[in-house]
Amino acid sequence: MTTSRTQEAAPRGIPGDGAGTAGAPVAGGAAGAAAATAATASTVVDVPGAASTRLGRTAQRLLRGQSVLAWLLELVKFCAVGGTAFVVDVGLFNLLRFGPGELLGDKPLTAKVISVAVSVVVAWLGNRHWTFAGTRRSSARRELLMFVLVNLGGMAIAVSCLAVSHYVLGLTSPVADNIAANGVGLVLGTAFRYLCYRYLVFTGPARH
């Protein structure tokens, strides 16, 4: 009887072991799912970090190694030089058109070309020797050529605004001419010039 009970007990232990073996895949599957979830969460968390890193690198390239404070100071200098050139531009433009004798009273485009040309000289001196003095090119001739080309582009923007206003829209009053040439044209031309000065013209080795 004792032997029979022992033999009967042995098979009962086998299902128990089988249950433990069957439970292993379940545990393994749960562990795999948990690992996959953790990996996904890690990936999601890393996305903002990667985007932030790329944004930081882009900002550094745009700043050309400058600190934000140095860039702001450069921008202030650029605006100061631009403000001086603006006074020359607007003053001469109005002097030629509406000043004594009205030398170019009926030729607004010619007056604008002359006023811009004179203001370019002022801007050249100010930007080369002050605003971008630390990154001016060693080849002054090449730099000057690029500077003139950029300013021709800026002048074309201002003149185009004036031409559309004066001849296409028929707005021929002094106020309209000034808004077109020295308002809209000025803003667009200034933005164009700054970007070109910074990234195309004054790109020599940094000087400290």
Protein backbone atom coordinates (compact mmCIF):
# COMPACT_ATOMS: atom_id res chain seq x y z
CA MET A 1 0.00 0.00 0.00
CA THR A 2 2.82 2.35 0.84
CA THR A 3 4.48 1.65 -2.49
CA SER A 4 1.25 2.27 -4.39
CA ARG A 5 0.69 5.61 -2.73
CA THR A 6 4.24 6.65 -3.48
CA GLN A 7 3.81 5.79 -7.14
CA GLU A 8 0.54 7.72 -7.25
CA ALA A 9 2.18 10.75 -5.60
CA ALA A 10 4.94 10.90 -8.17
CA PRO A 11 2.65 11.64 -11.15
CA ARG A 12 0.93 14.34 -9.14
CA GLY A 13 4.23 16.18 -8.82
CA ILE A 14 4.71 16.24 -12.60
CA PRO A 15 1.75 18.50 -13.32
CA GLY A 16 3.08 20.86 -10.65
CA ASP A 17 6.42 21.04 -12.42
CA GLY A 18 4.64 21.46 -15.72
CA ALA A 19 2.70 24.41 -14.35
CA GLY A 20 5.95 26.09 -13.31
CA THR A 21 7.41 25.51 -16.77
CA ALA A 22 4.32 26.88 -18.47
CA GLY A 23 4.52 30.00 -16.30
CA ALA A 24 8.06 30.78 -17.52
CA PRO A 25 7.02 31.98 -21.00
CA VAL A 26 4.39 34.18 -19.43
CA ALA A 27 6.96 35.80 -17.16
CA GLY A 28 9.40 36.12 -20.07
CA GLY A 29 6.74 37.75 -22.22
CA ALA A 30 5.88 40.22 -19.50
CA ALA A 31 9.54 41.09 -19.04
CA GLY A 32 9.96 41.62 -22.80
CA ALA A 33 6.89 43.84 -22.95
CA ALA A 34 8.18 45.88 -20.03
CA ALA A 35 11.57 46.28 -21.73
CA ALA A 36 9.93 47.35 -25.00
CA THR A 37 7.79 49.88 -23.15
CA ALA A 38 10.85 51.25 -21.36
CA ALA A 39 12.75 51.52 -24.65
CA THR A 40 9.83 53.34 -26.27
CA ALA A 41 9.56 55.71 -23.33
CA SER A 42 13.31 56.34 -23.50
CA THR A 43 13.05 57.11 -27.20
CA VAL A 44 10.17 59.53 -26.63
CA VAL A 45 12.08 61.26 -23.87
CA ASP A 46 15.22 61.53 -26.03
CA VAL A 47 13.40 63.23 -28.94
CA PRO A 48 13.09 66.66 -27.26
CA GLY A 49 16.70 66.38 -26.12
CA ALA A 50 17.91 65.65 -29.66
CA ALA A 51 15.81 68.47 -31.08
CA SER A 52 17.19 70.83 -28.45
CA THR A 53 20.75 69.79 -29.34
CA ARG A 54 20.18 70.38 -33.04
CA LEU A 55 18.59 73.73 -32.29
CA GLY A 56 21.57 74.69 -30.13
CA ARG A 57 24.03 73.76 -32.87
CA THR A 58 22.06 75.76 -35.43
CA ALA A 59 22.04 78.76 -33.09
CA GLN A 60 25.81 78.50 -32.63
CA ARG A 61 26.35 78.44 -36.39
CA LEU A 62 24.14 81.48 -36.82
CA LEU A 63 25.95 83.31 -34.01
CA ARG A 64 29.32 82.35 -35.56
CA GLY A 65 30.81 81.60 -32.17
CA GLN A 66 29.59 84.84 -30.61
CA SER A 67 27.75 85.08 -27.34
CA VAL A 68 24.21 86.39 -27.47
CA LEU A 69 25.39 89.60 -25.76
CA ALA A 70 28.09 90.13 -28.39
CA TRP A 71 25.57 89.56 -31.16
CA LEU A 72 23.16 92.07 -29.60
CA LEU A 73 25.97 94.61 -29.36
CA GLU A 74 26.77 94.02 -33.03
CA LEU A 75 23.12 94.55 -33.88
CA VAL A 76 23.05 97.81 -31.94
CA LYS A 77 26.13 99.03 -33.81
CA PHE A 78 24.58 98.02 -37.12
CA CYS A 79 21.42 99.93 -36.27
CA ALA A 80 23.44 103.00 -35.25
CA VAL A 81 25.37 102.98 -38.51
CA GLY A 82 22.18 102.28 -40.42
CA GLY A 83 20.43 105.13 -38.62
CA THR A 84 23.15 107.55 -39.65
CA ALA A 85 23.01 106.31 -43.23
CA PHE A 86 19.22 106.59 -43.12
CA VAL A 87 19.41 110.25 -42.13
CA VAL A 88 21.77 110.89 -45.03
CA ASP A 89 19.55 108.93 -47.42
CA VAL A 90 16.25 110.54 -46.44
CA GLY A 91 17.71 114.01 -46.06
CA LEU A 92 19.41 113.98 -49.43
CA PHE A 93 16.42 112.38 -51.15
CA ASN A 94 14.07 115.10 -49.92
CA LEU A 95 16.63 117.82 -50.56
CA LEU A 96 16.95 116.77 -54.19
CA ARG A 97 13.21 116.41 -54.71
CA PHE A 98 11.65 119.12 -52.60
CA GLY A 99 14.53 121.34 -51.54
CA PRO A 100 15.59 124.72 -52.98
CA GLY A 101 15.32 124.60 -56.74
CA GLU A 102 13.80 121.10 -56.69
CA LEU A 103 16.78 119.77 -58.64
CA LEU A 104 15.14 116.38 -59.18
CA GLY A 105 11.56 117.27 -58.37
CA ASP A 106 10.11 115.25 -61.24
CA LYS A 107 12.65 112.41 -61.05
CA PRO A 108 12.06 110.51 -57.83
CA LEU A 109 13.95 107.40 -58.93
CA THR A 110 17.08 109.36 -59.81
CA ALA A 111 16.91 111.20 -56.50
CA LYS A 112 16.61 107.91 -54.67
CA VAL A 113 19.54 106.34 -56.49
CA ILE A 114 21.78 109.30 -55.61
CA SER A 115 20.71 109.44 -51.98
CA VAL A 116 21.22 105.70 -51.55
CA ALA A 117 24.64 105.84 -53.23
CA VAL A 118 25.86 108.50 -50.80
CA SER A 119 24.42 106.68 -47.81
CA VAL A 120 26.23 103.50 -48.92
CA VAL A 121 29.57 105.25 -48.48
CA VAL A 122 28.59 106.21 -44.94
CA ALA A 123 27.42 102.66 -44.21
CA TRP A 124 30.62 101.16 -45.66
CA LEU A 125 32.86 103.20 -43.40
CA GLY A 126 30.78 102.58 -40.30
CA ASN A 127 30.32 98.85 -40.77
CA ARG A 128 33.85 98.04 -41.86
CA HIS A 129 35.59 99.99 -39.13
CA TRP A 130 33.09 99.58 -36.28
CA THR A 131 30.19 97.12 -36.55
CA PHE A 132 32.07 94.27 -38.22
CA ALA A 133 35.62 95.43 -37.50
CA GLY A 134 36.43 92.08 -35.90
CA THR A 135 35.48 90.04 -38.97
CA ARG A 136 36.35 92.28 -41.87
CA ARG A 137 38.15 90.60 -44.75
CA SER A 138 41.86 90.93 -45.36
CA SER A 139 41.10 91.64 -49.02
CA ALA A 140 39.47 95.06 -48.92
CA ARG A 141 38.84 95.06 -52.67
CA ARG A 142 36.84 91.84 -52.63
CA GLU A 143 34.95 92.94 -49.55
CA LEU A 144 34.16 96.32 -51.09
CA LEU A 145 32.93 94.66 -54.28
CA MET A 146 30.60 92.38 -52.33
CA PHE A 147 29.48 95.31 -50.18
CA VAL A 148 28.55 97.32 -53.26
CA LEU A 149 26.70 94.36 -54.80
CA VAL A 150 24.72 93.82 -51.60
CA ASN A 151 23.83 97.50 -51.45
CA LEU A 152 22.76 97.46 -55.08
CA GLY A 153 20.39 94.70 -54.09
CA GLY A 154 19.13 96.75 -51.14
CA MET A 155 18.77 99.80 -53.33
CA ALA A 156 16.84 97.77 -55.92
CA ILE A 157 14.41 96.73 -53.19
CA ALA A 158 13.81 100.34 -52.09
CA VAL A 159 13.55 101.65 -55.66
CA SER A 160 11.17 98.85 -56.60
CA CYS A 161 8.89 99.75 -53.70
CA LEU A 162 8.95 103.40 -54.79
CA ALA A 163 8.32 102.51 -58.44
CA VAL A 164 5.30 100.37 -57.61
CA SER A 165 3.87 103.06 -55.35
CA HIS A 166 4.56 106.05 -57.62
CA TYR A 167 3.90 104.62 -61.09
CA VAL A 168 1.73 101.53 -60.63
CA LEU A 169 -0.49 102.64 -57.76
CA GLY A 170 -0.39 106.32 -58.74
CA LEU A 171 0.51 107.52 -55.23
CA THR A 172 2.60 110.57 -56.13
CA SER A 173 2.40 112.76 -53.04
CA PRO A 174 5.52 113.49 -50.98
CA VAL A 175 4.12 111.42 -48.12
CA ALA A 176 3.41 108.44 -50.36
CA ASP A 177 6.87 108.60 -51.92
CA ASN A 178 8.51 108.65 -48.50
CA ILE A 179 6.42 105.79 -47.15
CA ALA A 180 7.24 103.64 -50.16
CA ALA A 181 10.94 104.47 -50.41
CA ASN A 182 11.86 105.24 -46.81
CA GLY A 183 9.30 103.08 -45.03
CA VAL A 184 8.58 99.78 -46.73
CA GLY A 185 11.68 99.91 -48.89
CA LEU A 186 13.87 100.78 -45.92
CA VAL A 187 12.68 97.90 -43.75
CA LEU A 188 13.05 95.27 -46.46
CA GLY A 189 16.36 96.66 -47.67
CA THR A 190 17.81 96.85 -44.15
CA ALA A 191 16.96 93.24 -43.34
CA PHE A 192 18.49 92.15 -46.65
CA ARG A 193 21.68 94.13 -46.02
CA TYR A 194 22.22 92.91 -42.48
CA LEU A 195 21.95 89.25 -43.39
CA CYS A 196 24.27 89.68 -46.36
CA TYR A 197 26.79 91.77 -44.41
CA ARG A 198 26.95 89.19 -41.63
CA TYR A 199 27.05 85.98 -43.64
CA LEU A 200 28.50 87.02 -47.01
CA VAL A 201 30.52 90.24 -46.80
CA PHE A 202 32.26 90.50 -43.43
CA THR A 203 33.38 86.90 -43.00
CA GLY A 204 37.08 87.25 -42.32
CA PRO A 205 38.91 85.54 -39.41
CA ALA A 206 37.67 86.80 -36.07
CA ARG A 207 39.90 89.42 -34.48
CA HIS A 208 39.94 90.10 -30.74
